Amino acid sequence: MTESFDVKEYEEIDIKDCDLSKLQSYIKCQNLTSALQVTPTGVKANSWVGVIKYKKTHIQILPKLICDKDNNNENILKNLIFMLSFTKKLDIKTSNDAKLASAKNPFIEILIREFANSLFDCLKRLTPKKYVREEDNLSFLKGKLKFSENIRYNCTNQSKFYCEFDEFSENNELNQLFLFVSTCLYNISQDRYNKKILKFIMNYYSEIKFIRFDKFKANKIKLTRNQKLFKKPLNLAKMFIEQTSVDLSKNKFENITLLWDMNKLFEEFVFELINKYKDDFKCEVKSQKGRKLLRGDHNKKRNTYVDIMVKKGNEKIVLDTKYKKFRNANDFSNADVFQVSTYCLLHNAHKAILLYPQWDNTRPNIDNYFLNTDEEITEKYEINFKTINLKHTDLKSNLTTIKDELAEILK
């Protein structure tokens, strides 16, 4: 029986009935030590969120800073799903997750439902077919004759022809991938509706040859022009294949790792929000604008990249997101100021904003600072420390409020 544990960022929980040494080996093998640390009695989470399923242990890591005042896990999960969909990390309709928010292993069940529903809807409109190269010993000539094989198989029976031909068939790699992923998900899902839809898909593909896939084989699959509607289920299928290990004896995903870095997610959420309302903000915005630190240095690995560059008229604003605790002026670090000061010098910007998620229920009131340089240029480099409030019961319905906060910050 699978044991489920919920843990928030930077929290530590005890886990029983789990071989912690093997769990630690798995985390190291998957390069997940930055996301989760194994302690003598359990695990401690960092700033990564998502889900780790290792054998019979299921760990769901939730963010701390997108919760409401009640700290309700269902609302946190709903807000996290919205952020992932808003930043295009996952193509998920957030209105569909409410029924599953209180289910066992909700994060996985939400993703399974999204895959199953999207594939089922596509199959109602079209069954993807593709020309597949076939070889067979036929009683008539089809395609081209393979002479060496024909001599080997038909030297005593000249009524047969060993042919190679292209067959416009449903038994292609795309359908085989969908069948494999649906079968694996059916064997791990505990939601009745999910299992029902996945069973429909498996029955629909009853004539398709069952083939096991790994991430290298799955990534080779490309959609043709008339198969573009299968883009969403294909992306979700590849995600499951890439982030999991398969129990081949039972055709199910034994270990699942679906994690996102909240530092990156927060940055992309802010960028997408500014980009969506850039006309209201009357600005231009670019993400990850790069520049060489040293003139004449041709090593691209040493390029520096600004999180977000905002241009309002002739003014450039360096906007650097920091997903960390910030309650007052004592919480910022010199390293962060060094970073944005360098960005200002490289990009000829005279204003930088360090943007944090609001930690407490009250927003800190921080004075604007100026870089401590020569008196003639003291007021040329302004450094601001700002926060935006993500502590809402429903992040989606409060998007306008967050937009207004950003408008005030960028004013």
Protein backbone atom coordinates (compact mmCIF):
# COMPACT_ATOMS: atom_id res chain seq x y z
CA MET A 1 0.00 0.00 0.00
CA THR A 2 1.36 3.43 -0.98
CA GLU A 3 2.02 5.87 1.87
CA SER A 4 1.51 9.56 1.06
CA PHE A 5 3.28 12.46 2.74
CA ASP A 6 2.82 16.21 2.25
CA VAL A 7 5.75 18.51 2.96
CA LYS A 8 6.19 22.22 2.30
CA GLU A 9 9.36 23.96 1.18
CA TYR A 10 12.16 23.92 3.75
CA GLU A 11 10.08 21.73 6.10
CA GLU A 12 11.24 18.42 7.54
CA ILE A 13 9.00 15.40 8.12
CA ASP A 14 9.51 11.92 9.54
CA ILE A 15 8.86 8.94 7.27
CA LYS A 16 8.21 5.43 8.56
CA ASP A 17 8.23 2.09 6.72
CA CYS A 18 10.66 3.35 4.09
CA ASP A 19 14.27 2.31 3.51
CA LEU A 20 15.81 5.79 3.80
CA SER A 21 19.25 4.63 2.62
CA LYS A 22 17.76 3.33 -0.64
CA LEU A 23 15.67 6.49 -1.00
CA GLN A 24 18.85 8.54 -0.57
CA SER A 25 20.61 6.46 -3.25
CA TYR A 26 17.68 7.01 -5.62
CA ILE A 27 17.71 10.79 -4.99
CA LYS A 28 21.46 10.95 -5.69
CA CYS A 29 21.09 8.82 -8.80
CA GLN A 30 18.36 11.13 -10.14
CA ASN A 31 20.38 14.29 -9.22
CA LEU A 32 17.62 15.44 -6.86
CA THR A 33 19.76 16.40 -3.87
CA SER A 34 19.01 20.09 -4.50
CA ALA A 35 15.28 19.31 -4.23
CA LEU A 36 15.13 16.86 -1.32
CA GLN A 37 17.51 15.86 1.46
CA VAL A 38 17.25 12.61 3.40
CA THR A 39 17.62 13.02 7.17
CA PRO A 40 18.17 10.23 9.75
CA THR A 41 14.38 9.97 10.31
CA GLY A 42 12.80 11.34 7.14
CA VAL A 43 13.25 14.02 4.49
CA LYS A 44 13.72 17.78 4.26
CA ALA A 45 12.46 19.78 1.26
CA ASN A 46 14.18 22.72 -0.42
CA SER A 47 12.78 25.25 -2.91
CA TRP A 48 11.59 22.63 -5.41
CA VAL A 49 7.94 21.60 -5.65
CA GLY A 50 6.13 18.65 -7.22
CA VAL A 51 5.99 14.96 -6.46
CA ILE A 52 8.41 12.09 -5.88
CA LYS A 53 7.05 8.55 -5.87
CA TYR A 54 9.65 5.99 -4.81
CA LYS A 55 8.35 2.43 -4.63
CA LYS A 56 5.51 2.62 -2.04
CA THR A 57 6.43 6.06 -0.70
CA HIS A 58 4.77 9.11 -2.24
CA ILE A 59 6.10 12.56 -1.27
CA GLN A 60 4.26 15.68 -2.40
CA ILE A 61 6.24 18.93 -2.00
CA LEU A 62 4.13 22.08 -1.90
CA PRO A 63 5.21 25.75 -1.99
CA LYS A 64 4.96 27.91 1.12
CA LEU A 65 4.48 31.31 -0.43
CA ILE A 66 1.40 30.76 -2.61
CA CYS A 67 -0.90 29.68 0.20
CA ASP A 68 -3.85 31.43 1.82
CA LYS A 69 -4.08 32.38 5.47
CA ASP A 70 -5.54 28.94 6.32
CA ASN A 71 -2.53 27.21 4.71
CA ASN A 72 -4.92 24.82 2.97
CA ASN A 73 -3.11 22.16 0.90
CA GLU A 74 -5.95 21.96 -1.63
CA ASN A 75 -5.71 25.69 -2.36
CA ILE A 76 -1.91 25.55 -2.51
CA LEU A 77 -2.08 22.73 -5.04
CA LYS A 78 -4.69 24.61 -7.08
CA ASN A 79 -2.48 27.73 -7.12
CA LEU A 80 0.59 25.69 -8.07
CA ILE A 81 -1.25 24.06 -10.98
CA PHE A 82 -2.37 27.51 -12.13
CA MET A 83 1.20 28.86 -12.03
CA LEU A 84 2.47 25.87 -14.04
CA SER A 85 -0.25 26.34 -16.65
CA PHE A 86 0.16 30.14 -16.75
CA THR A 87 3.90 29.83 -17.41
CA LYS A 88 3.22 27.14 -20.04
CA LYS A 89 5.12 24.50 -18.06
CA LEU A 90 1.99 22.36 -18.22
CA ASP A 91 -1.01 22.74 -20.50
CA ILE A 92 -3.65 22.16 -17.83
CA LYS A 93 -7.11 23.62 -17.43
CA THR A 94 -7.12 24.71 -13.81
CA SER A 95 -10.92 24.44 -13.56
CA ASN A 96 -10.64 20.64 -13.78
CA ASP A 97 -8.42 20.04 -10.75
CA ALA A 98 -10.88 20.89 -7.96
CA LYS A 99 -12.39 17.40 -7.88
CA LEU A 100 -8.98 15.81 -7.48
CA ALA A 101 -7.43 18.26 -5.02
CA SER A 102 -8.56 16.17 -2.05
CA ALA A 103 -7.81 12.79 -3.68
CA LYS A 104 -4.98 10.49 -2.68
CA ASN A 105 -1.80 11.47 -4.55
CA PRO A 106 -3.65 14.47 -6.10
CA PHE A 107 -0.77 15.92 -8.10
CA ILE A 108 -0.21 12.70 -10.06
CA GLU A 109 -3.94 12.09 -10.47
CA ILE A 110 -4.41 15.61 -11.91
CA LEU A 111 -1.69 14.97 -14.50
CA ILE A 112 -3.08 11.52 -15.32
CA ARG A 113 -6.57 12.96 -15.81
CA GLU A 114 -5.25 15.71 -18.06
CA PHE A 115 -3.41 13.17 -20.22
CA ALA A 116 -6.35 10.75 -20.38
CA ASN A 117 -8.98 13.41 -21.17
CA SER A 118 -6.87 15.18 -23.81
CA LEU A 119 -5.99 11.91 -25.59
CA PHE A 120 -9.58 10.63 -25.40
CA ASP A 121 -10.91 13.90 -26.88
CA CYS A 122 -8.37 13.71 -29.73
CA LEU A 123 -9.19 10.08 -30.52
CA LYS A 124 -12.88 11.00 -30.84
CA ARG A 125 -11.89 13.25 -33.74
CA LEU A 126 -9.05 11.33 -35.39
CA THR A 127 -7.04 8.14 -35.18
CA PRO A 128 -3.43 9.00 -36.06
CA LYS A 129 -2.25 6.96 -39.02
CA LYS A 130 1.15 6.96 -40.63
CA TYR A 131 2.99 5.13 -43.39
CA VAL A 132 4.91 2.31 -41.74
CA ARG A 133 7.62 0.28 -43.50
CA GLU A 134 6.57 -3.38 -43.55
CA GLU A 135 8.10 -6.62 -44.80
CA ASP A 136 6.04 -9.73 -45.53
CA ASN A 137 5.93 -12.88 -47.61
CA LEU A 138 2.87 -12.33 -49.84
CA SER A 139 1.03 -14.25 -52.54
CA PHE A 140 1.12 -11.13 -54.74
CA LEU A 141 3.70 -8.46 -55.54
CA LYS A 142 3.40 -5.32 -53.45
CA GLY A 143 5.90 -2.49 -53.15
CA LYS A 144 9.35 -3.78 -54.08
CA LEU A 145 10.71 -7.31 -54.16
CA LYS A 146 13.58 -8.08 -51.79
CA PHE A 147 15.66 -10.50 -53.83
CA SER A 148 17.92 -12.01 -51.18
CA GLU A 149 15.03 -12.66 -48.75
CA ASN A 150 12.82 -13.92 -51.58
CA ILE A 151 15.46 -16.52 -52.57
CA ARG A 152 15.89 -17.56 -48.94
CA TYR A 153 12.18 -18.04 -48.20
CA ASN A 154 10.69 -18.89 -51.59
CA CYS A 155 13.26 -20.94 -53.48
CA THR A 156 10.87 -23.92 -53.42
CA ASN A 157 7.62 -21.96 -53.59
CA GLN A 158 7.60 -19.50 -56.46
CA SER A 159 3.98 -18.51 -55.85
CA LYS A 160 5.14 -16.29 -52.98
CA PHE A 161 6.91 -12.91 -53.06
CA TYR A 162 8.94 -11.47 -50.22
CA CYS A 163 8.12 -7.74 -50.42
CA GLU A 164 8.92 -4.48 -48.71
CA PHE A 165 6.12 -1.92 -48.78
CA ASP A 166 4.66 1.10 -46.95
CA GLU A 167 1.39 0.54 -45.13
CA PHE A 168 -0.85 3.43 -44.06
CA SER A 169 -1.44 1.99 -40.63
CA GLU A 170 -2.72 2.78 -37.15
CA ASN A 171 0.01 0.50 -35.78
CA ASN A 172 2.62 3.27 -35.65
CA GLU A 173 4.97 4.60 -32.96
CA LEU A 174 2.67 7.42 -31.87
CA ASN A 175 -0.22 5.07 -31.06
CA GLN A 176 2.17 2.56 -29.52
CA LEU A 177 3.52 5.27 -27.20
CA PHE A 178 -0.02 6.30 -26.17
CA LEU A 179 -0.93 2.66 -25.48
CA PHE A 180 2.22 2.09 -23.39
CA VAL A 181 1.77 5.25 -21.29
CA SER A 182 -1.97 4.60 -20.81
CA THR A 183 -1.25 1.05 -19.62
CA CYS A 184 1.40 2.20 -17.14
CA LEU A 185 -0.79 5.01 -15.78
CA TYR A 186 -3.77 2.67 -15.46
CA ASN A 187 -1.69 0.44 -13.17
CA ILE A 188 -0.72 3.26 -10.79
CA SER A 189 -3.86 5.41 -10.76
CA GLN A 190 -6.23 5.05 -7.81
CA ASP A 191 -8.91 7.37 -9.17
CA ARG A 192 -11.99 5.58 -10.55
CA TYR A 193 -12.68 8.11 -13.31
CA ASN A 194 -9.05 8.12 -14.49
CA LYS A 195 -8.97 4.34 -14.67
CA LYS A 196 -12.23 4.31 -16.62
CA ILE A 197 -10.95 6.72 -19.32
CA LEU A 198 -7.60 4.95 -19.55
CA LYS A 199 -9.42 1.61 -19.95
CA PHE A 200 -11.42 3.09 -22.86
CA ILE A 201 -8.15 4.14 -24.52
CA MET A 202 -6.55 0.73 -23.98
CA ASN A 203 -9.59 -1.01 -25.48
CA TYR A 204 -9.57 1.42 -28.41
CA TYR A 205 -5.95 0.44 -29.06
CA SER A 206 -6.63 -3.31 -28.77
CA GLU A 207 -5.26 -3.90 -32.29
CA ILE A 208 -2.10 -1.89 -31.67
CA LYS A 209 1.11 -3.78 -30.95
CA PHE A 210 2.26 -3.25 -27.35
CA ILE A 211 5.82 -1.91 -27.27
CA ARG A 212 7.76 -0.52 -24.31
CA PHE A 213 9.32 2.93 -24.64
CA ASP A 214 12.21 4.78 -23.05
CA LYS A 215 12.83 8.55 -23.17
CA PHE A 216 15.21 8.29 -26.15
CA LYS A 217 12.71 6.39 -28.26
CA ALA A 218 9.83 8.64 -27.18
CA ASN A 219 11.70 11.85 -28.06
CA LYS A 220 12.20 10.68 -31.65
CA ILE A 221 8.46 10.78 -32.30
CA LYS A 222 7.39 13.81 -34.33
CA LEU A 223 3.87 14.82 -35.29
CA THR A 224 2.87 15.17 -38.92
CA ARG A 225 0.85 18.15 -40.12
CA ASN A 226 -2.52 16.39 -39.70
CA GLN A 227 -1.59 15.12 -36.21
CA LYS A 228 -1.03 18.53 -34.56
CA LEU A 229 -4.10 18.13 -32.33
CA PHE A 230 -2.19 15.35 -30.49
CA LYS A 231 0.49 17.83 -29.33
CA LYS A 232 -0.79 18.07 -25.74
CA PRO A 233 -1.16 14.32 -25.02
CA LEU A 234 2.19 13.68 -26.73
CA ASN A 235 3.96 16.26 -24.54
CA LEU A 236 2.39 14.79 -21.40
CA ALA A 237 3.27 11.25 -22.51
CA LYS A 238 6.91 12.29 -23.07
CA MET A 239 6.94 13.99 -19.66
CA PHE A 240 5.81 10.77 -17.96
CA ILE A 241 8.41 8.72 -19.88
CA GLU A 242 11.28 11.13 -19.16
CA GLN A 243 10.56 11.62 -15.46
CA THR A 244 9.85 8.02 -14.46
CA SER A 245 11.33 4.57 -14.26
CA VAL A 246 9.22 1.65 -15.47
CA ASP A 247 8.59 -1.66 -13.76
CA LEU A 248 8.77 -3.80 -16.92
CA SER A 249 7.26 -6.87 -15.27
CA LYS A 250 4.06 -5.02 -14.38
CA ASN A 251 4.02 -2.32 -17.10
CA LYS A 252 3.69 0.50 -14.60
CA PHE A 253 5.67 3.54 -13.50
CA GLU A 254 7.44 2.38 -10.36
CA ASN A 255 9.30 5.60 -9.52
CA ILE A 256 8.01 9.02 -10.56
CA THR A 257 9.81 12.36 -10.31
CA LEU A 258 7.94 15.50 -11.38
CA LEU A 259 9.64 18.56 -9.89
CA TRP A 260 9.88 22.26 -10.66
CA ASP A 261 12.28 24.84 -9.26
CA MET A 262 10.20 27.55 -7.55
CA ASN A 263 12.95 30.12 -8.17
CA LYS A 264 12.54 29.62 -11.92
CA LEU A 265 8.75 29.25 -11.72
CA PHE A 266 8.39 32.53 -9.81
CA GLU A 267 10.59 34.32 -12.36
CA GLU A 268 8.61 32.97 -15.32
CA PHE A 269 5.28 33.73 -13.64
CA VAL A 270 6.26 37.39 -13.16
CA PHE A 271 7.57 37.63 -16.73
CA GLU A 272 4.41 36.10 -18.25
CA LEU A 273 2.24 38.44 -16.18
CA ILE A 274 4.15 41.55 -17.32
CA ASN A 275 4.23 40.30 -20.90
CA LYS A 276 0.47 39.64 -20.88
CA TYR A 277 -0.35 43.17 -19.64
CA LYS A 278 2.56 45.05 -21.23
CA ASP A 279 0.15 47.35 -23.07
CA ASP A 280 -1.45 48.33 -19.75
CA PHE A 281 2.01 48.83 -18.22
CA LYS A 282 3.09 50.77 -21.35
CA CYS A 283 6.37 48.92 -21.51
CA GLU A 284 8.44 46.42 -23.45
CA VAL A 285 9.71 43.32 -21.70
CA LYS A 286 12.36 40.69 -22.42
CA SER A 287 13.35 37.58 -20.50
CA GLN A 288 16.89 36.26 -19.99
CA LYS A 289 18.56 39.09 -21.90
CA GLY A 290 22.22 38.11 -22.14
CA ARG A 291 25.45 40.06 -22.39
CA LYS A 292 29.14 39.25 -22.06
CA LEU A 293 30.72 40.30 -18.79
CA LEU A 294 34.12 41.02 -20.37
CA ARG A 295 34.63 42.70 -23.72
CA GLY A 296 36.49 40.38 -26.09
CA ASP A 297 35.53 37.23 -24.17
CA HIS A 298 34.07 34.73 -26.64
CA ASN A 299 33.15 32.01 -24.14
CA LYS A 300 29.34 31.82 -24.18
CA LYS A 301 29.33 29.97 -20.85
CA ARG A 302 30.39 33.20 -19.14
CA ASN A 303 27.49 35.27 -20.48
CA THR A 304 25.33 36.98 -17.85
CA TYR A 305 21.56 36.92 -18.16
CA VAL A 306 19.08 39.38 -16.66
CA ASP A 307 15.93 37.68 -15.33
CA ILE A 308 13.62 40.35 -16.77
CA MET A 309 14.46 43.57 -18.61
CA VAL A 310 11.67 46.18 -18.71
CA LYS A 311 11.83 49.21 -20.97
CA LYS A 312 9.47 52.14 -20.38
CA GLY A 313 10.12 54.90 -22.89
CA ASN A 314 13.85 55.59 -22.67
CA GLU A 315 14.19 54.09 -19.19
CA LYS A 316 15.52 50.56 -18.67
CA ILE A 317 14.61 48.68 -15.51
CA VAL A 318 16.45 45.54 -14.39
CA LEU A 319 13.93 43.28 -12.64
CA ASP A 320 15.52 40.40 -10.75
CA THR A 321 13.22 37.90 -9.01
CA LYS A 322 14.31 36.26 -5.77
CA TYR A 323 12.22 33.44 -4.35
CA LYS A 324 13.33 33.67 -0.73
CA LYS A 325 12.32 35.04 2.65
CA PHE A 326 12.14 38.84 2.70
CA ARG A 327 10.50 40.63 5.62
CA ASN A 328 12.62 43.77 6.08
CA ALA A 329 15.80 45.49 4.91
CA ASN A 330 17.95 43.10 6.94
CA ASP A 331 16.99 40.17 4.70
CA PHE A 332 18.66 41.23 1.45
CA SER A 333 22.19 40.06 0.72
CA ASN A 334 25.15 41.91 -0.75
CA ALA A 335 25.45 39.20 -3.40
CA ASP A 336 22.00 40.09 -4.77
CA VAL A 337 22.91 43.78 -4.91
CA PHE A 338 26.25 42.99 -6.61
CA GLN A 339 24.34 40.98 -9.20
CA VAL A 340 21.79 43.66 -10.15
CA SER A 341 24.44 46.39 -10.03
CA THR A 342 26.46 44.47 -12.62
CA TYR A 343 23.35 44.09 -14.78
CA CYS A 344 22.77 47.85 -14.60
CA LEU A 345 26.35 48.62 -15.69
CA LEU A 346 26.29 46.10 -18.56
CA HIS A 347 22.89 47.15 -19.92
CA ASN A 348 23.15 50.89 -19.23
CA ALA A 349 20.18 50.77 -16.86
CA HIS A 350 19.90 53.14 -13.92
CA LYS A 351 17.19 51.38 -11.94
CA ALA A 352 17.04 47.85 -10.55
CA ILE A 353 14.23 46.11 -8.70
CA LEU A 354 14.75 43.04 -6.53
CA LEU A 355 11.34 41.39 -6.41
CA TYR A 356 10.41 38.90 -3.68
CA PRO A 357 7.19 37.03 -2.86
CA GLN A 358 5.53 38.48 0.23
CA TRP A 359 6.48 36.40 3.27
CA ASP A 360 4.13 37.70 5.96
CA ASN A 361 0.58 39.01 5.75
CA THR A 362 1.85 42.60 5.78
CA ARG A 363 3.98 44.07 3.02
CA PRO A 364 7.36 45.45 4.18
CA ASN A 365 7.89 49.17 3.59
CA ILE A 366 11.47 49.50 2.34
CA ASP A 367 13.07 52.79 1.35
CA ASN A 368 14.66 53.07 -2.07
CA TYR A 369 18.45 52.85 -2.02
CA PHE A 370 21.13 54.28 -4.27
CA LEU A 371 24.42 52.62 -5.08
CA ASN A 372 27.20 54.05 -2.90
CA THR A 373 29.49 55.36 -5.63
CA ASP A 374 31.13 58.71 -6.39
CA GLU A 375 28.94 61.69 -5.57
CA GLU A 376 28.50 62.70 -9.22
CA ILE A 377 26.85 59.41 -10.09
CA THR A 378 25.37 58.44 -6.72
CA GLU A 379 21.76 58.93 -7.79
CA LYS A 380 22.26 57.29 -11.17
CA TYR A 381 21.83 53.74 -9.85
CA GLU A 382 18.67 53.22 -7.82
CA ILE A 383 18.10 49.85 -6.11
CA ASN A 384 14.54 48.99 -5.00
CA PHE A 385 13.35 46.09 -2.86
CA LYS A 386 9.75 45.11 -3.57
CA THR A 387 7.35 42.25 -2.84
CA ILE A 388 4.19 40.93 -4.46
CA ASN A 389 1.51 39.04 -2.59
CA LEU A 390 0.86 35.48 -3.80
CA LYS A 391 -0.96 34.44 -0.64
CA HIS A 392 -4.44 34.02 -2.10
CA THR A 393 -7.07 31.33 -1.79
CA ASP A 394 -7.39 31.38 -5.58
CA LEU A 395 -4.43 32.85 -7.46
CA LYS A 396 -6.28 32.82 -10.78
CA SER A 397 -9.18 34.97 -9.60
CA ASN A 398 -6.74 37.42 -7.97
CA LEU A 399 -4.56 37.86 -11.04
CA THR A 400 -5.81 41.43 -11.57
CA THR A 401 -4.80 42.32 -8.00
CA ILE A 402 -1.28 41.00 -8.59
CA LYS A 403 -1.15 42.88 -11.91
CA ASP A 404 -2.04 46.13 -10.10
CA GLU A 405 0.76 45.49 -7.58
CA LEU A 406 3.26 45.06 -10.43
CA ALA A 407 1.95 48.20 -12.16
CA GLU A 408 2.60 50.16 -8.97
CA ILE A 409 6.11 48.68 -8.68
CA LEU A 410 6.98 49.54 -12.28
CA LYS A 411 5.38 52.99 -12.19
